[in-house]
Amino acid sequence: MLSRQVFRSLRAAAPQRAFAAVPARTFAAAASADVKAPIAVFGLDGTYATALYTAASKTSTLDATAKELAKLGSIVEKDSKLVTILSAPTLTPADRSAIAAELVKQAGASGPTLKNFLDTLAENNRLGLLNGVIEKFGQIVSAARGEVEMTVTSAQALDSKLLSRLENAVAKSSYVGQGKKLKVTNAVNPDIIGGLVVEVGDRTIDLSVSARISKMNKLLTDNL
């Protein structure tokens, strides 16, 4: 797990720890003003995500950066301890630098864009924002590619054939604009009992058994 690698990196960096203040670094200072994100994302993590998109677009490394950041996202999602480590207030500048280096290694970053970005997060003591940055960067990239996100929630994982049928059906509907592409994700939530909950963009189609039970309970309550 990455959290173990991070712990090793921290131990290796321990003899070199420096407690001197490190000036805040602005990642997008040299970003071109004519490169704009296709959508606005909010919060401090949104600001960093937008800066990364701007820098990656300017250096023609958007696709590579998106793949590297998605890989990091998968690692963070599977390692609950890592989020706690990244947000630890006791990390020294040397600790954060060692963590950033390990993150770059795990992402398989081949160019300077992601490395410079993670170094900036480390220097500004914002590594704890990484999970939010990954999510919002993904939203920006999806918008830039003309993708509409569709999340299909089911009680059990769906097979690829059923997902494909759902994708084709929704792609032909008014829920997806002309020229847009669907980006489909299957989320599993046993609490819905059965059926599906389909989220397309900001719209939700709730066909779950739990929703039907809730409606039935409300009808019973209102009429008793």
Protein backbone atom coordinates (compact mmCIF):
# COMPACT_ATOMS: atom_id res chain seq x y z
CA MET A 1 0.00 0.00 0.00
CA LEU A 2 1.15 3.54 -0.71
CA SER A 3 0.83 4.57 2.94
CA ARG A 4 3.61 2.08 3.78
CA GLN A 5 5.82 3.52 1.06
CA VAL A 6 5.12 7.00 2.44
CA PHE A 7 6.12 5.89 5.94
CA ARG A 8 9.40 4.56 4.54
CA SER A 9 9.97 7.86 2.73
CA LEU A 10 9.38 9.78 5.95
CA ARG A 11 11.88 7.64 7.83
CA ALA A 12 14.44 8.17 5.08
CA ALA A 13 13.86 11.93 5.19
CA ALA A 14 14.00 12.17 8.99
CA PRO A 15 17.75 12.93 9.30
CA GLN A 16 17.40 15.77 6.76
CA ARG A 17 14.35 17.49 8.29
CA ALA A 18 14.45 21.23 8.13
CA PHE A 19 12.12 23.36 10.24
CA ALA A 20 12.74 26.64 8.48
CA ALA A 21 9.71 28.30 6.90
CA VAL A 22 9.24 27.61 3.21
CA PRO A 23 7.75 30.41 1.10
CA ALA A 24 4.43 29.61 -0.54
CA ARG A 25 4.75 28.64 -4.17
CA THR A 26 2.24 29.58 -6.87
CA PHE A 27 1.91 26.79 -9.41
CA ALA A 28 0.03 28.70 -12.10
CA ALA A 29 2.05 31.90 -11.95
CA ALA A 30 3.40 31.37 -15.46
CA ALA A 31 0.21 29.89 -16.90
CA SER A 32 -1.09 31.51 -20.04
CA ALA A 33 -4.06 33.81 -19.46
CA ASP A 34 -5.78 32.63 -22.65
CA VAL A 35 -6.07 29.02 -21.40
CA LYS A 36 -9.33 28.70 -19.50
CA ALA A 37 -11.02 25.73 -17.89
CA PRO A 38 -14.32 24.77 -19.58
CA ILE A 39 -16.18 24.76 -16.25
CA ALA A 40 -15.75 26.46 -12.90
CA VAL A 41 -15.00 24.30 -9.87
CA PHE A 42 -15.04 25.79 -6.42
CA GLY A 43 -13.14 25.57 -3.17
CA LEU A 44 -9.39 25.64 -2.62
CA ASP A 45 -9.05 22.19 -4.17
CA GLY A 46 -10.95 23.54 -7.19
CA THR A 47 -8.48 26.42 -7.47
CA TYR A 48 -5.55 24.00 -7.52
CA ALA A 49 -7.34 21.68 -9.97
CA THR A 50 -7.96 24.59 -12.33
CA ALA A 51 -4.33 25.68 -12.07
CA LEU A 52 -3.18 22.16 -12.93
CA TYR A 53 -5.54 22.03 -15.93
CA THR A 54 -4.21 25.39 -17.16
CA ALA A 55 -0.58 24.33 -16.80
CA ALA A 56 -1.15 20.91 -18.40
CA SER A 57 -3.01 22.49 -21.33
CA LYS A 58 -0.28 25.05 -21.86
CA THR A 59 2.43 22.37 -21.94
CA SER A 60 0.35 19.93 -24.08
CA THR A 61 0.49 17.30 -21.33
CA LEU A 62 -3.22 17.20 -20.46
CA ASP A 63 -3.84 13.57 -21.44
CA ALA A 64 -0.71 12.31 -19.70
CA THR A 65 -1.44 14.34 -16.57
CA ALA A 66 -5.04 13.09 -16.48
CA LYS A 67 -3.86 9.46 -16.66
CA GLU A 68 -1.24 10.00 -13.95
CA LEU A 69 -3.68 11.75 -11.64
CA ALA A 70 -6.34 9.08 -12.24
CA LYS A 71 -3.78 6.44 -11.24
CA LEU A 72 -3.09 8.35 -8.03
CA GLY A 73 -6.82 8.61 -7.42
CA SER A 74 -7.20 4.83 -7.60
CA ILE A 75 -4.33 4.38 -5.15
CA VAL A 76 -5.73 6.95 -2.68
CA GLU A 77 -9.20 5.39 -2.89
CA LYS A 78 -7.84 2.00 -1.82
CA ASP A 79 -5.59 3.32 0.96
CA SER A 80 -7.59 4.94 3.78
CA LYS A 81 -4.48 5.64 5.87
CA LEU A 82 -2.93 7.76 3.13
CA VAL A 83 -5.53 10.55 3.39
CA THR A 84 -4.81 10.82 7.12
CA ILE A 85 -1.06 10.99 6.49
CA LEU A 86 -1.41 13.68 3.82
CA SER A 87 -3.46 15.87 6.17
CA ALA A 88 -1.25 15.40 9.24
CA PRO A 89 -0.39 18.83 10.73
CA THR A 90 2.90 17.52 12.14
CA LEU A 91 4.54 16.99 8.74
CA THR A 92 7.70 19.01 8.26
CA PRO A 93 8.73 20.52 4.89
CA ALA A 94 11.15 17.60 4.45
CA ASP A 95 8.33 15.12 5.18
CA ARG A 96 6.05 16.74 2.63
CA SER A 97 8.79 16.80 0.02
CA ALA A 98 9.47 13.08 0.56
CA ILE A 99 5.75 12.31 0.26
CA ALA A 100 5.46 14.33 -2.95
CA ALA A 101 8.41 12.42 -4.44
CA GLU A 102 6.76 9.09 -3.55
CA LEU A 103 3.46 10.22 -5.08
CA VAL A 104 5.24 11.16 -8.30
CA LYS A 105 6.88 7.73 -8.39
CA GLN A 106 3.61 5.88 -7.77
CA ALA A 107 1.82 7.92 -10.46
CA GLY A 108 4.49 6.97 -12.99
CA ALA A 109 4.84 10.62 -13.96
CA SER A 110 7.05 10.89 -17.03
CA GLY A 111 7.09 14.68 -17.36
CA PRO A 112 7.47 17.68 -15.07
CA THR A 113 3.83 18.82 -14.93
CA LEU A 114 2.53 16.55 -12.18
CA LYS A 115 5.86 16.63 -10.33
CA ASN A 116 5.86 20.43 -10.21
CA PHE A 117 2.24 20.42 -9.10
CA LEU A 118 2.78 17.94 -6.26
CA ASP A 119 5.90 19.83 -5.20
CA THR A 120 3.74 22.97 -5.02
CA LEU A 121 1.12 21.23 -2.87
CA ALA A 122 3.89 20.00 -0.59
CA GLU A 123 5.58 23.40 -0.27
CA ASN A 124 2.24 25.10 0.43
CA ASN A 125 1.25 22.42 2.96
CA ARG A 126 -1.80 21.45 0.86
CA LEU A 127 -1.21 17.74 0.26
CA GLY A 128 -4.40 17.11 2.21
CA LEU A 129 -6.32 18.61 -0.72
CA LEU A 130 -5.08 15.94 -3.14
CA ASN A 131 -8.24 13.82 -3.11
CA GLY A 132 -10.46 16.83 -3.86
CA VAL A 133 -8.07 18.07 -6.53
CA ILE A 134 -8.16 14.68 -8.27
CA GLU A 135 -11.97 14.68 -8.29
CA LYS A 136 -12.35 18.25 -9.56
CA PHE A 137 -9.57 17.93 -12.11
CA GLY A 138 -11.45 14.92 -13.48
CA GLN A 139 -14.60 17.03 -13.77
CA ILE A 140 -12.75 19.72 -15.70
CA VAL A 141 -11.13 17.22 -18.07
CA SER A 142 -14.46 15.47 -18.69
CA ALA A 143 -16.05 18.80 -19.59
CA ALA A 144 -13.15 19.64 -21.91
CA ARG A 145 -13.61 16.31 -23.71
CA GLY A 146 -17.36 16.84 -24.08
CA GLU A 147 -18.12 14.00 -21.68
CA VAL A 148 -21.26 13.72 -19.58
CA GLU A 149 -20.81 11.63 -16.46
CA MET A 150 -23.36 8.89 -15.84
CA THR A 151 -23.25 6.98 -12.56
CA VAL A 152 -25.34 3.82 -12.34
CA THR A 153 -25.80 2.71 -8.75
CA SER A 154 -26.89 -0.89 -8.15
CA ALA A 155 -27.08 -3.28 -5.22
CA GLN A 156 -24.54 -5.53 -6.96
CA ALA A 157 -21.96 -4.88 -9.67
CA LEU A 158 -23.50 -4.89 -13.16
CA ASP A 159 -22.03 -6.84 -16.06
CA SER A 160 -20.57 -4.99 -19.03
CA LYS A 161 -23.40 -5.96 -21.41
CA LEU A 162 -26.08 -4.40 -19.21
CA LEU A 163 -23.99 -1.27 -18.68
CA SER A 164 -23.51 -1.00 -22.44
CA ARG A 165 -27.27 -1.28 -23.04
CA LEU A 166 -27.94 1.43 -20.47
CA GLU A 167 -25.26 3.64 -22.02
CA ASN A 168 -26.75 3.27 -25.50
CA ALA A 169 -30.27 4.00 -24.26
CA VAL A 170 -29.29 7.11 -22.31
CA ALA A 171 -26.99 8.37 -25.10
CA LYS A 172 -30.02 8.60 -27.41
CA SER A 173 -32.15 10.44 -24.85
CA SER A 174 -32.60 14.14 -24.13
CA TYR A 175 -30.44 13.73 -21.03
CA VAL A 176 -27.30 13.92 -23.19
CA GLY A 177 -26.66 16.91 -25.43
CA GLN A 178 -25.79 16.58 -29.10
CA GLY A 179 -22.14 15.77 -29.68
CA LYS A 180 -21.59 14.76 -26.04
CA LYS A 181 -20.07 11.48 -24.90
CA LEU A 182 -21.14 9.45 -21.90
CA LYS A 183 -18.63 8.47 -19.25
CA VAL A 184 -20.23 5.57 -17.38
CA THR A 185 -19.40 4.43 -13.84
CA ASN A 186 -21.05 1.62 -11.90
CA ALA A 187 -21.27 2.30 -8.16
CA VAL A 188 -22.37 -0.45 -5.77
CA ASN A 189 -24.64 0.35 -2.82
CA PRO A 190 -26.42 -2.63 -1.18
CA ASP A 191 -28.74 -0.21 0.66
CA ILE A 192 -30.84 0.36 -2.47
CA ILE A 193 -31.84 -3.35 -2.18
CA GLY A 194 -32.47 -3.74 -5.92
CA GLY A 195 -33.16 -1.81 -9.10
CA LEU A 196 -31.03 1.11 -10.24
CA VAL A 197 -30.31 4.75 -9.54
CA VAL A 198 -29.09 6.49 -12.69
CA GLU A 199 -27.41 9.90 -12.38
CA VAL A 200 -26.70 11.78 -15.60
CA GLY A 201 -25.07 15.14 -15.11
CA ASP A 202 -27.26 16.92 -12.55
CA ARG A 203 -30.30 14.67 -13.17
CA THR A 204 -31.29 11.58 -11.20
CA ILE A 205 -33.57 8.71 -12.20
CA ASP A 206 -34.34 6.65 -9.10
CA LEU A 207 -35.62 3.19 -10.03
CA SER A 208 -34.41 1.51 -6.85
CA VAL A 209 -36.45 -0.85 -4.70
CA SER A 210 -35.63 1.28 -1.65
CA ALA A 211 -37.19 4.32 -3.34
CA ARG A 212 -40.35 2.33 -4.11
CA ILE A 213 -40.55 1.16 -0.49
CA SER A 214 -40.13 4.77 0.72
CA LYS A 215 -42.95 5.93 -1.55
CA MET A 216 -45.19 3.09 -0.39
CA ASN A 217 -44.45 3.90 3.26
CA LYS A 218 -45.28 7.57 2.65
CA LEU A 219 -48.57 6.66 0.97
CA LEU A 220 -49.49 4.40 3.89
CA THR A 221 -48.53 7.06 6.43
CA ASP A 222 -50.48 9.79 4.63
CA ASN A 223 -53.59 7.67 4.40
CA LEU A 224 -53.69 6.20 7.89
